[in-house]
Amino acid sequence: MKKEMLGLVIVVLFFQGIFAQEKPKKTQHFVVSHIIKAPIDKVWKVVGEDYGAVAYSHPKIVSSNYVNGSLKGGEGAERVCNFNEKGTKFLKEKMINYDPENYTFKNVLYQAGKFPVNPDYTYAIYKIEKIDDDTSRFVFDMTFRTKPAFMGSIAKGSFKKLIADYAIAIEHNVNTGEKVTKDNFRAIKKEYKRSSKSNP
């Protein structure tokens, strides 16, 4: 009888443990893909090697720098991205799974400042794909969770548009070397749309 009771207690505790486990957090996901008329190594230099200089190729980032001893792009490199001059709106990110041979890495958000995203569930996979010697594809595969979570589906469209603009800015910076800012991006985007229509 004691053995039966002990067995019953063990079974009950086992199932309690299963049901007590935290349910997976709901996240949002999207992918942005953009064709860039430039060789893959040239695109990778801007995206994967000049990791701390992302402000040069992002229309919303005012300034960016390496932090915590990082000096260049690579495994474990960290950067801060400032979205205003005061530095009160910022993101801190870390580069992991760095694979330059396959032109890819995972960008992990670890501090979100005043942005309504949960760093524990927010990251992006960057990948550059070769189409031919003079053409590449930039792929940005993002998973995120907002705080509060119900904002996720609302924010998804805005985030996707932001990354689509970022992709255009990367192409411009790769091909001209010019820093992209919120002041010049409107003209850059307009020119990109014009050239896309004339060269479908």
N, C-alpha and C. Protein backbone atom coordinates (compact mmCIF):
# COMPACT_ATOMS: atom_id res chain seq x y z
N MET A 1 0.83 -1.21 0.00
CA MET A 1 0.00 0.00 0.00
C MET A 1 0.87 1.26 0.00
N LYS A 2 1.91 1.22 0.84
CA LYS A 2 2.81 2.37 0.90
C LYS A 2 3.49 2.60 -0.44
N LYS A 3 3.88 1.48 -1.10
CA LYS A 3 4.55 1.60 -2.40
C LYS A 3 3.60 2.20 -3.45
N GLU A 4 2.32 1.77 -3.38
CA GLU A 4 1.33 2.30 -4.32
C GLU A 4 1.12 3.80 -4.11
N MET A 5 1.04 4.19 -2.84
CA MET A 5 0.87 5.61 -2.52
C MET A 5 2.07 6.43 -2.96
N LEU A 6 3.26 5.86 -2.74
CA LEU A 6 4.48 6.55 -3.15
C LEU A 6 4.52 6.72 -4.66
N GLY A 7 4.12 5.65 -5.35
CA GLY A 7 4.09 5.72 -6.82
C GLY A 7 3.11 6.76 -7.31
N LEU A 8 1.94 6.84 -6.63
CA LEU A 8 0.93 7.83 -7.01
C LEU A 8 1.43 9.25 -6.79
N VAL A 9 2.10 9.46 -5.67
CA VAL A 9 2.66 10.78 -5.36
C VAL A 9 3.68 11.19 -6.42
N ILE A 10 4.53 10.25 -6.82
CA ILE A 10 5.56 10.54 -7.84
C ILE A 10 4.91 10.92 -9.16
N VAL A 11 3.87 10.17 -9.55
CA VAL A 11 3.16 10.47 -10.80
C VAL A 11 2.53 11.86 -10.75
N VAL A 12 1.87 12.17 -9.63
CA VAL A 12 1.23 13.48 -9.48
C VAL A 12 2.26 14.60 -9.56
N LEU A 13 3.37 14.44 -8.87
CA LEU A 13 4.43 15.45 -8.89
C LEU A 13 5.00 15.62 -10.29
N PHE A 14 5.12 14.52 -11.01
CA PHE A 14 5.66 14.56 -12.38
C PHE A 14 4.79 15.41 -13.29
N PHE A 15 3.47 15.15 -13.23
CA PHE A 15 2.57 15.89 -14.10
C PHE A 15 2.41 17.34 -13.65
N GLN A 16 2.51 17.58 -12.35
CA GLN A 16 2.49 18.96 -11.87
C GLN A 16 3.67 19.74 -12.42
N GLY A 17 4.81 19.07 -12.49
CA GLY A 17 6.02 19.70 -13.02
C GLY A 17 5.87 20.06 -14.48
N ILE A 18 5.21 19.18 -15.23
CA ILE A 18 5.00 19.44 -16.66
C ILE A 18 4.10 20.64 -16.86
N PHE A 19 2.96 20.64 -16.15
CA PHE A 19 2.00 21.72 -16.34
C PHE A 19 2.46 23.04 -15.75
N ALA A 20 3.40 22.94 -14.80
CA ALA A 20 3.91 24.17 -14.17
C ALA A 20 4.93 24.88 -15.03
N GLN A 21 5.42 24.17 -16.07
CA GLN A 21 6.42 24.79 -16.94
C GLN A 21 5.83 26.00 -17.64
N GLU A 22 6.63 26.99 -17.80
CA GLU A 22 6.16 28.23 -18.42
C GLU A 22 5.83 27.99 -19.89
N LYS A 23 4.68 28.53 -20.31
CA LYS A 23 4.29 28.39 -21.71
C LYS A 23 5.21 29.24 -22.57
N PRO A 24 5.48 28.80 -23.80
CA PRO A 24 6.33 29.59 -24.69
C PRO A 24 5.72 30.98 -24.91
N LYS A 25 6.56 31.98 -24.87
CA LYS A 25 6.09 33.34 -25.09
C LYS A 25 5.76 33.54 -26.57
N LYS A 26 4.67 34.25 -26.83
CA LYS A 26 4.27 34.52 -28.20
C LYS A 26 5.17 35.61 -28.79
N THR A 27 5.72 35.34 -29.94
CA THR A 27 6.58 36.31 -30.62
C THR A 27 6.02 36.62 -32.00
N GLN A 28 6.52 37.70 -32.57
CA GLN A 28 6.18 38.08 -33.94
C GLN A 28 7.38 37.80 -34.84
N HIS A 29 7.12 37.60 -36.11
CA HIS A 29 8.20 37.25 -37.03
C HIS A 29 7.93 37.85 -38.41
N PHE A 30 8.99 38.31 -39.06
CA PHE A 30 8.88 38.75 -40.46
C PHE A 30 10.25 38.65 -41.13
N VAL A 31 10.23 38.66 -42.45
CA VAL A 31 11.46 38.62 -43.24
C VAL A 31 11.42 39.73 -44.28
N VAL A 32 12.50 40.47 -44.40
CA VAL A 32 12.66 41.47 -45.45
C VAL A 32 13.81 41.04 -46.34
N SER A 33 13.57 41.04 -47.64
CA SER A 33 14.60 40.66 -48.62
C SER A 33 14.75 41.79 -49.62
N HIS A 34 15.98 42.11 -49.97
CA HIS A 34 16.22 43.26 -50.85
C HIS A 34 17.41 42.99 -51.77
N ILE A 35 17.21 43.21 -53.06
CA ILE A 35 18.29 43.03 -54.04
C ILE A 35 19.17 44.27 -54.05
N ILE A 36 20.48 44.05 -53.93
CA ILE A 36 21.45 45.15 -53.95
C ILE A 36 22.40 44.96 -55.13
N LYS A 37 22.53 45.98 -55.93
CA LYS A 37 23.40 45.90 -57.11
C LYS A 37 24.84 46.18 -56.71
N ALA A 38 25.43 45.19 -56.06
CA ALA A 38 26.82 45.28 -55.60
C ALA A 38 27.31 43.88 -55.28
N PRO A 39 28.63 43.64 -55.39
CA PRO A 39 29.20 42.32 -55.06
C PRO A 39 28.96 41.97 -53.60
N ILE A 40 28.87 40.70 -53.31
CA ILE A 40 28.55 40.23 -51.97
C ILE A 40 29.57 40.69 -50.92
N ASP A 41 30.86 40.70 -51.27
CA ASP A 41 31.89 41.11 -50.30
C ASP A 41 31.76 42.59 -49.93
N LYS A 42 31.32 43.38 -50.89
CA LYS A 42 31.15 44.81 -50.64
C LYS A 42 29.97 45.06 -49.68
N VAL A 43 28.91 44.30 -49.87
CA VAL A 43 27.74 44.41 -48.99
C VAL A 43 28.08 43.89 -47.59
N TRP A 44 28.80 42.77 -47.54
CA TRP A 44 29.17 42.18 -46.26
C TRP A 44 30.07 43.11 -45.45
N LYS A 45 30.92 43.87 -46.12
CA LYS A 45 31.80 44.80 -45.40
C LYS A 45 30.97 45.80 -44.60
N VAL A 46 29.92 46.33 -45.22
CA VAL A 46 29.07 47.31 -44.54
C VAL A 46 28.23 46.67 -43.44
N VAL A 47 27.65 45.51 -43.73
CA VAL A 47 26.72 44.88 -42.79
C VAL A 47 27.42 44.04 -41.72
N GLY A 48 28.39 43.23 -42.14
CA GLY A 48 29.00 42.28 -41.23
C GLY A 48 30.32 42.68 -40.60
N GLU A 49 31.11 43.50 -41.32
CA GLU A 49 32.42 43.89 -40.81
C GLU A 49 32.38 45.24 -40.08
N ASP A 50 31.69 46.22 -40.67
CA ASP A 50 31.59 47.54 -40.04
C ASP A 50 30.36 47.58 -39.11
N TYR A 51 30.27 46.58 -38.27
CA TYR A 51 29.10 46.38 -37.40
C TYR A 51 28.80 47.59 -36.52
N GLY A 52 29.83 48.20 -35.99
CA GLY A 52 29.64 49.34 -35.09
C GLY A 52 29.29 50.63 -35.80
N ALA A 53 29.42 50.65 -37.13
CA ALA A 53 29.15 51.87 -37.90
C ALA A 53 27.79 51.80 -38.59
N VAL A 54 26.85 51.08 -38.01
CA VAL A 54 25.53 50.90 -38.63
C VAL A 54 24.82 52.23 -38.87
N ALA A 55 25.17 53.27 -38.12
CA ALA A 55 24.53 54.58 -38.31
C ALA A 55 24.77 55.14 -39.71
N TYR A 56 25.84 54.69 -40.37
CA TYR A 56 26.13 55.17 -41.72
C TYR A 56 25.16 54.60 -42.76
N SER A 57 24.49 53.51 -42.41
CA SER A 57 23.61 52.86 -43.38
C SER A 57 22.21 52.62 -42.82
N HIS A 58 21.79 53.43 -41.87
CA HIS A 58 20.46 53.30 -41.28
C HIS A 58 19.83 54.68 -41.13
N PRO A 59 18.68 54.92 -41.75
CA PRO A 59 18.10 56.27 -41.75
C PRO A 59 17.58 56.76 -40.41
N LYS A 60 17.37 55.87 -39.46
CA LYS A 60 16.82 56.28 -38.17
C LYS A 60 17.86 56.36 -37.05
N ILE A 61 19.02 55.76 -37.27
CA ILE A 61 20.05 55.75 -36.23
C ILE A 61 20.94 56.98 -36.37
N VAL A 62 20.97 57.81 -35.34
CA VAL A 62 21.73 59.06 -35.36
C VAL A 62 23.22 58.80 -35.21
N SER A 63 23.58 57.88 -34.31
CA SER A 63 24.98 57.53 -34.11
C SER A 63 25.06 56.10 -33.59
N SER A 64 26.23 55.48 -33.77
CA SER A 64 26.44 54.12 -33.27
C SER A 64 27.92 53.92 -32.97
N ASN A 65 28.19 53.07 -32.00
CA ASN A 65 29.58 52.81 -31.61
C ASN A 65 29.70 51.40 -31.04
N TYR A 66 30.93 50.89 -31.08
CA TYR A 66 31.21 49.63 -30.39
C TYR A 66 31.21 49.90 -28.89
N VAL A 67 30.82 48.90 -28.10
CA VAL A 67 30.83 49.03 -26.64
C VAL A 67 31.43 47.78 -26.00
N ASN A 68 31.72 47.90 -24.72
CA ASN A 68 32.23 46.78 -23.92
C ASN A 68 33.50 46.15 -24.49
N GLY A 69 34.38 47.00 -25.01
CA GLY A 69 35.67 46.52 -25.48
C GLY A 69 35.70 46.03 -26.91
N SER A 70 34.56 46.01 -27.59
CA SER A 70 34.54 45.56 -28.99
C SER A 70 35.22 46.61 -29.87
N LEU A 71 36.00 46.12 -30.84
CA LEU A 71 36.73 47.02 -31.74
C LEU A 71 36.35 46.83 -33.20
N LYS A 72 35.76 45.68 -33.52
CA LYS A 72 35.37 45.40 -34.90
C LYS A 72 34.29 44.32 -34.91
N GLY A 73 33.67 44.14 -36.09
CA GLY A 73 32.66 43.11 -36.23
C GLY A 73 33.26 41.73 -36.06
N GLY A 74 32.52 40.82 -35.45
CA GLY A 74 32.99 39.46 -35.21
C GLY A 74 32.22 38.83 -34.07
N GLU A 75 32.51 37.58 -33.77
CA GLU A 75 31.80 36.88 -32.70
C GLU A 75 31.90 37.64 -31.37
N GLY A 76 30.74 37.94 -30.80
CA GLY A 76 30.70 38.62 -29.52
C GLY A 76 30.78 40.14 -29.57
N ALA A 77 30.94 40.72 -30.77
CA ALA A 77 31.01 42.18 -30.88
C ALA A 77 29.70 42.81 -30.40
N GLU A 78 29.82 43.96 -29.73
CA GLU A 78 28.64 44.65 -29.21
C GLU A 78 28.62 46.09 -29.70
N ARG A 79 27.40 46.60 -29.89
CA ARG A 79 27.26 47.98 -30.35
C ARG A 79 26.07 48.64 -29.67
N VAL A 80 26.11 49.97 -29.63
CA VAL A 80 24.97 50.75 -29.17
C VAL A 80 24.48 51.58 -30.35
N CYS A 81 23.18 51.62 -30.55
CA CYS A 81 22.57 52.38 -31.64
C CYS A 81 21.71 53.48 -31.02
N ASN A 82 22.08 54.73 -31.26
CA ASN A 82 21.35 55.87 -30.69
C ASN A 82 20.36 56.42 -31.70
N PHE A 83 19.11 56.59 -31.25
CA PHE A 83 18.06 57.07 -32.14
C PHE A 83 17.72 58.55 -31.90
N ASN A 84 18.46 59.19 -31.01
CA ASN A 84 18.35 60.64 -30.86
C ASN A 84 19.71 61.19 -30.43
N GLU A 85 19.85 62.50 -30.52
CA GLU A 85 21.13 63.14 -30.23
C GLU A 85 21.54 62.99 -28.76
N LYS A 86 20.58 62.97 -27.88
CA LYS A 86 20.87 62.88 -26.44
C LYS A 86 21.30 61.48 -26.02
N GLY A 87 21.01 60.49 -26.85
CA GLY A 87 21.36 59.12 -26.48
C GLY A 87 20.41 58.50 -25.48
N THR A 88 19.21 59.08 -25.34
CA THR A 88 18.23 58.54 -24.39
C THR A 88 17.36 57.46 -25.03
N LYS A 89 17.31 57.45 -26.36
CA LYS A 89 16.60 56.38 -27.08
C LYS A 89 17.65 55.53 -27.78
N PHE A 90 17.85 54.33 -27.29
CA PHE A 90 18.94 53.52 -27.83
C PHE A 90 18.62 52.03 -27.75
N LEU A 91 19.38 51.26 -28.52
CA LEU A 91 19.37 49.80 -28.45
C LEU A 91 20.81 49.33 -28.29
N LYS A 92 21.02 48.30 -27.49
CA LYS A 92 22.33 47.66 -27.40
C LYS A 92 22.20 46.24 -27.94
N GLU A 93 23.12 45.90 -28.83
CA GLU A 93 23.03 44.64 -29.55
C GLU A 93 24.35 43.88 -29.53
N LYS A 94 24.25 42.59 -29.74
CA LYS A 94 25.43 41.72 -29.73
C LYS A 94 25.40 40.80 -30.94
N MET A 95 26.56 40.62 -31.54
CA MET A 95 26.72 39.77 -32.72
C MET A 95 27.16 38.37 -32.30
N ILE A 96 26.36 37.35 -32.63
CA ILE A 96 26.74 35.97 -32.33
C ILE A 96 26.55 35.10 -33.58
N ASN A 97 27.00 33.87 -33.50
CA ASN A 97 26.92 32.95 -34.65
C ASN A 97 27.51 33.61 -35.90
N TYR A 98 28.61 34.30 -35.70
CA TYR A 98 29.26 35.04 -36.79
C TYR A 98 29.90 34.06 -37.77
N ASP A 99 29.47 34.12 -39.03
CA ASP A 99 29.91 33.16 -40.04
C ASP A 99 30.23 33.90 -41.34
N PRO A 100 31.41 34.51 -41.42
CA PRO A 100 31.75 35.31 -42.61
C PRO A 100 31.86 34.49 -43.89
N GLU A 101 32.17 33.20 -43.77
CA GLU A 101 32.26 32.36 -44.97
C GLU A 101 30.90 32.21 -45.64
N ASN A 102 29.85 32.21 -44.84
CA ASN A 102 28.50 32.10 -45.37
C ASN A 102 27.73 33.42 -45.28
N TYR A 103 28.45 34.48 -44.93
CA TYR A 103 27.89 35.84 -44.92
C TYR A 103 26.62 35.94 -44.06
N THR A 104 26.72 35.49 -42.83
CA THR A 104 25.55 35.54 -41.95
C THR A 104 25.97 35.70 -40.48
N PHE A 105 25.08 36.25 -39.68
CA PHE A 105 25.26 36.31 -38.23
C PHE A 105 23.91 36.56 -37.58
N LYS A 106 23.87 36.32 -36.28
CA LYS A 106 22.66 36.59 -35.50
C LYS A 106 22.90 37.84 -34.67
N ASN A 107 21.96 38.76 -34.73
CA ASN A 107 22.06 40.01 -33.99
C ASN A 107 21.07 39.97 -32.82
N VAL A 108 21.61 39.91 -31.61
CA VAL A 108 20.78 39.75 -30.41
C VAL A 108 20.64 41.09 -29.68
N LEU A 109 19.41 41.45 -29.39
CA LEU A 109 19.15 42.65 -28.61
C LEU A 109 19.26 42.32 -27.12
N TYR A 110 20.10 43.07 -26.38
CA TYR A 110 20.20 42.77 -24.95
C TYR A 110 19.82 43.95 -24.06
N GLN A 111 19.63 45.13 -24.63
CA GLN A 111 19.12 46.26 -23.85
C GLN A 111 18.32 47.15 -24.78
N ALA A 112 17.07 47.45 -24.39
CA ALA A 112 16.16 48.14 -25.30
C ALA A 112 15.90 49.60 -24.95
N GLY A 113 16.52 50.11 -23.90
CA GLY A 113 16.29 51.51 -23.56
C GLY A 113 14.81 51.78 -23.35
N LYS A 114 14.28 52.78 -24.05
CA LYS A 114 12.86 53.13 -23.91
C LYS A 114 11.98 52.47 -24.96
N PHE A 115 12.56 51.61 -25.78
CA PHE A 115 11.77 50.95 -26.82
C PHE A 115 10.92 49.83 -26.22
N PRO A 116 9.67 49.68 -26.68
CA PRO A 116 8.76 48.68 -26.09
C PRO A 116 8.96 47.26 -26.63
N VAL A 117 10.19 46.78 -26.58
CA VAL A 117 10.46 45.40 -27.01
C VAL A 117 11.14 44.64 -25.88
N ASN A 118 10.91 43.34 -25.85
CA ASN A 118 11.48 42.48 -24.82
C ASN A 118 12.79 41.89 -25.33
N PRO A 119 13.93 42.29 -24.77
CA PRO A 119 15.23 41.81 -25.26
C PRO A 119 15.39 40.29 -25.20
N ASP A 120 14.70 39.65 -24.28
CA ASP A 120 14.85 38.19 -24.13
C ASP A 120 14.30 37.42 -25.33
N TYR A 121 13.44 38.07 -26.11
CA TYR A 121 12.80 37.37 -27.23
C TYR A 121 12.95 38.13 -28.54
N THR A 122 13.96 38.97 -28.63
CA THR A 122 14.13 39.80 -29.82
C THR A 122 15.51 39.61 -30.43
N TYR A 123 15.53 39.22 -31.70
CA TYR A 123 16.80 39.02 -32.41
C TYR A 123 16.54 39.03 -33.92
N ALA A 124 17.61 39.14 -34.68
CA ALA A 124 17.49 39.10 -36.15
C ALA A 124 18.64 38.29 -36.73
N ILE A 125 18.35 37.57 -37.79
CA ILE A 125 19.37 36.87 -38.55
C ILE A 125 19.67 37.70 -39.79
N TYR A 126 20.91 38.13 -39.91
CA TYR A 126 21.36 38.83 -41.11
C TYR A 126 21.98 37.81 -42.06
N LYS A 127 21.68 37.93 -43.34
CA LYS A 127 22.32 37.05 -44.32
C LYS A 127 22.45 37.78 -45.65
N ILE A 128 23.61 37.64 -46.28
CA ILE A 128 23.83 38.18 -47.62
C ILE A 128 24.00 36.99 -48.56
N GLU A 129 23.25 36.99 -49.65
CA GLU A 129 23.31 35.91 -50.63
C GLU A 129 23.83 36.43 -51.96
N LYS A 130 24.68 35.66 -52.60
CA LYS A 130 25.22 36.04 -53.90
C LYS A 130 24.25 35.65 -55.00
N ILE A 131 23.91 36.61 -55.85
CA ILE A 131 23.08 36.33 -57.02
C ILE A 131 23.96 36.16 -58.24
N ASP A 132 24.87 37.12 -58.44
CA ASP A 132 25.93 36.99 -59.44
C ASP A 132 27.10 37.86 -58.97
N ASP A 133 28.11 38.03 -59.79
CA ASP A 133 29.31 38.76 -59.36
C ASP A 133 29.03 40.21 -58.97
N ASP A 134 27.97 40.77 -59.51
CA ASP A 134 27.68 42.18 -59.26
C ASP A 134 26.35 42.42 -58.54
N THR A 135 25.73 41.36 -58.08
CA THR A 135 24.41 41.50 -57.45
C THR A 135 24.29 40.60 -56.23
N SER A 136 23.70 41.14 -55.16
CA SER A 136 23.53 40.39 -53.91
C SER A 136 22.11 40.55 -53.40
N ARG A 137 21.75 39.68 -52.48
CA ARG A 137 20.45 39.79 -51.81
C ARG A 137 20.69 39.93 -50.30
N PHE A 138 20.15 41.00 -49.73
CA PHE A 138 20.20 41.21 -48.28
C PHE A 138 18.93 40.63 -47.68
N VAL A 139 19.09 39.74 -46.69
CA VAL A 139 17.94 39.11 -46.03
C VAL A 139 18.00 39.40 -44.53
N PHE A 140 16.92 39.94 -44.01
CA PHE A 140 16.81 40.28 -42.59
C PHE A 140 15.62 39.51 -42.03
N ASP A 141 15.90 38.53 -41.18
CA ASP A 141 14.88 37.63 -40.64
C ASP A 141 14.72 37.94 -39.15
N MET A 142 13.61 38.59 -38.79
CA MET A 142 13.47 39.10 -37.42
C MET A 142 12.39 38.40 -36.61
N THR A 143 12.72 38.13 -35.35
CA THR A 143 11.78 37.63 -34.36
C THR A 143 11.78 38.62 -33.20
N PHE A 144 10.59 39.00 -32.72
CA PHE A 144 10.55 39.97 -31.62
C PHE A 144 9.30 39.78 -30.76
N ARG A 145 9.37 40.34 -29.58
CA ARG A 145 8.23 40.37 -28.66
C ARG A 145 8.17 41.76 -28.05
N THR A 146 7.00 42.36 -28.07
CA THR A 146 6.85 43.71 -27.53
C THR A 146 6.44 43.67 -26.06
N LYS A 147 6.59 44.82 -25.41
CA LYS A 147 6.11 45.00 -24.03
C LYS A 147 5.19 46.21 -24.02
N PRO A 148 3.90 46.03 -23.82
CA PRO A 148 3.16 44.79 -23.62
C PRO A 148 3.03 43.96 -24.90
N ALA A 149 2.79 42.66 -24.73
CA ALA A 149 2.82 41.72 -25.84
C ALA A 149 1.75 42.01 -26.90
N PHE A 150 0.60 42.54 -26.49
CA PHE A 150 -0.49 42.74 -27.46
C PHE A 150 -0.13 43.77 -28.54
N MET A 151 0.90 44.55 -28.30
CA MET A 151 1.32 45.55 -29.29
C MET A 151 2.07 44.92 -30.46
N GLY A 152 2.43 43.64 -30.33
CA GLY A 152 3.27 43.00 -31.34
C GLY A 152 2.72 43.06 -32.74
N SER A 153 1.45 42.70 -32.91
CA SER A 153 0.86 42.69 -34.25
C SER A 153 0.72 44.11 -34.80
N ILE A 154 0.54 45.08 -33.90
CA ILE A 154 0.44 46.48 -34.32
C ILE A 154 1.81 46.99 -34.77
N ALA A 155 2.84 46.64 -34.01
CA ALA A 155 4.20 47.13 -34.30
C ALA A 155 4.83 46.44 -35.51
N LYS A 156 4.36 45.27 -35.85
CA LYS A 156 4.99 44.47 -36.90
C LYS A 156 5.11 45.22 -38.22
N GLY A 157 4.04 45.89 -38.63
CA GLY A 157 4.06 46.64 -39.89
C GLY A 157 5.09 47.76 -39.87
N SER A 158 5.16 48.47 -38.75
CA SER A 158 6.12 49.57 -38.62
C SER A 158 7.55 49.06 -38.64
N PHE A 159 7.80 47.95 -37.92
CA PHE A 159 9.14 47.37 -37.89
C PHE A 159 9.57 46.91 -39.29
N LYS A 160 8.64 46.29 -39.99
CA LYS A 160 8.95 45.77 -41.33
C LYS A 160 9.27 46.92 -42.29
N LYS A 161 8.52 48.01 -42.20
CA LYS A 161 8.78 49.18 -43.03
C LYS A 161 10.14 49.78 -42.69
N LEU A 162 10.47 49.83 -41.40
CA LEU A 162 11.76 50.37 -40.96
C LEU A 162 12.91 49.56 -41.56
N ILE A 163 12.80 48.24 -41.56
CA ILE A 163 13.86 47.40 -42.09
C ILE A 163 13.92 47.49 -43.61
N ALA A 164 12.78 47.64 -44.26
CA ALA A 164 12.77 47.83 -45.72
C ALA A 164 13.52 49.12 -46.08
N ASP A 165 13.32 50.17 -45.30
CA ASP A 165 14.06 51.42 -45.50
C ASP A 165 15.55 51.23 -45.22
N TYR A 166 15.84 50.47 -44.18
CA TYR A 166 17.24 50.15 -43.83
C TYR A 166 17.94 49.45 -44.99
N ALA A 167 17.23 48.54 -45.65
CA ALA A 167 17.82 47.82 -46.79
C ALA A 167 18.17 48.76 -47.94
N ILE A 168 17.28 49.72 -48.20
CA ILE A 168 17.56 50.72 -49.23
C ILE A 168 18.76 51.56 -48.83
N ALA A 169 18.83 51.92 -47.57
CA ALA A 169 19.95 52.73 -47.06
C ALA A 169 21.27 51.97 -47.17
N ILE A 170 21.24 50.67 -46.91
CA ILE A 170 22.45 49.85 -47.07
C ILE A 170 22.92 49.90 -48.51
N GLU A 171 22.00 49.72 -49.44
CA GLU A 171 22.37 49.75 -50.86
C GLU A 171 23.01 51.09 -51.23
N HIS A 172 22.41 52.17 -50.76
CA HIS A 172 22.95 53.49 -51.07
C HIS A 172 24.35 53.67 -50.49
N ASN A 173 24.53 53.29 -49.24
CA ASN A 173 25.82 53.44 -48.59
C ASN A 173 26.88 52.56 -49.25
N VAL A 174 26.50 51.34 -49.60
CA VAL A 174 27.44 50.42 -50.27
C VAL A 174 27.92 51.01 -51.59
N ASN A 175 27.01 51.57 -52.36
CA ASN A 175 27.35 52.03 -53.71
C ASN A 175 27.91 53.44 -53.79
N THR A 176 27.69 54.25 -52.76
CA THR A 176 28.17 55.64 -52.83
C THR A 176 29.15 56.00 -51.71
N GLY A 177 29.09 55.29 -50.60
CA GLY A 177 29.92 55.64 -49.44
C GLY A 177 29.34 56.77 -48.62
N GLU A 178 28.22 57.34 -49.07
CA GLU A 178 27.60 58.46 -48.36
C GLU A 178 26.85 57.97 -47.12
N LYS A 179 26.98 58.71 -46.03
CA LYS A 179 26.24 58.39 -44.82
C LYS A 179 24.76 58.70 -45.03
N VAL A 180 23.91 57.76 -44.66
CA VAL A 180 22.47 57.95 -44.77
C VAL A 180 21.95 58.53 -43.46
N THR A 181 21.16 59.58 -43.55
CA THR A 181 20.58 60.22 -42.36
C THR A 181 19.08 60.39 -42.57
N LYS A 182 18.39 60.78 -41.51
CA LYS A 182 16.95 61.01 -41.66
C LYS A 182 16.69 62.22 -42.57
N ASP A 183 17.69 63.11 -42.69
CA ASP A 183 17.52 64.30 -43.52
C ASP A 183 17.67 64.01 -45.01
N ASN A 184 18.58 63.10 -45.38
CA ASN A 184 18.77 62.84 -46.81
C ASN A 184 18.06 61.58 -47.30
N PHE A 185 17.47 60.82 -46.38
CA PHE A 185 16.91 59.54 -46.80
C PHE A 185 15.69 59.69 -47.71
N ARG A 186 14.89 60.70 -47.49
CA ARG A 186 13.70 60.87 -48.32
C ARG A 186 14.08 60.98 -49.80
N ALA A 187 15.10 61.79 -50.09
CA ALA A 187 15.56 61.94 -51.47
C ALA A 187 16.18 60.63 -51.98
N ILE A 188 16.92 59.93 -51.11
CA ILE A 188 17.53 58.65 -51.49
C ILE A 188 16.45 57.64 -51.85
N LYS A 189 15.42 57.56 -51.04
CA LYS A 189 14.34 56.60 -51.28
C LYS A 189 13.57 56.94 -52.55
N LYS A 190 13.36 58.22 -52.77
CA LYS A 190 12.66 58.67 -53.97
C LYS A 190 13.44 58.29 -55.22
N GLU A 191 14.75 58.49 -55.18
CA GLU A 191 15.61 58.14 -56.31
C GLU A 191 15.64 56.63 -56.51
N TYR A 192 15.66 55.88 -55.41
CA TYR A 192 15.65 54.41 -55.51
C TYR A 192 14.37 53.93 -56.20
N LYS A 193 13.23 54.49 -55.82
CA LYS A 193 11.96 54.09 -56.43
C LYS A 193 11.94 54.44 -57.91
N ARG A 194 12.51 55.60 -58.26
CA ARG A 194 12.55 56.02 -59.66
C ARG A 194 13.41 55.06 -60.49
N SER A 195 14.58 54.72 -59.96
CA SER A 195 15.48 53.83 -60.70
C SER A 195 14.93 52.41 -60.77
N SER A 196 14.18 52.00 -59.74
CA SER A 196 13.58 50.66 -59.74
C SER A 196 12.51 50.54 -60.82
N LYS A 197 11.77 51.63 -61.04
CA LYS A 197 10.74 51.62 -62.07
C LYS A 197 11.35 51.60 -63.47
N SER A 198 12.46 52.31 -63.63
CA SER A 198 13.10 52.36 -64.95
C SER A 198 13.94 51.12 -65.24
N ASN A 199 14.33 50.39 -64.16
CA ASN A 199 15.10 49.15 -64.33
C ASN A 199 14.45 48.02 -63.53
N PRO A 200 13.28 47.55 -63.97
CA PRO A 200 12.55 46.54 -63.21
C PRO A 200 13.30 45.22 -63.15
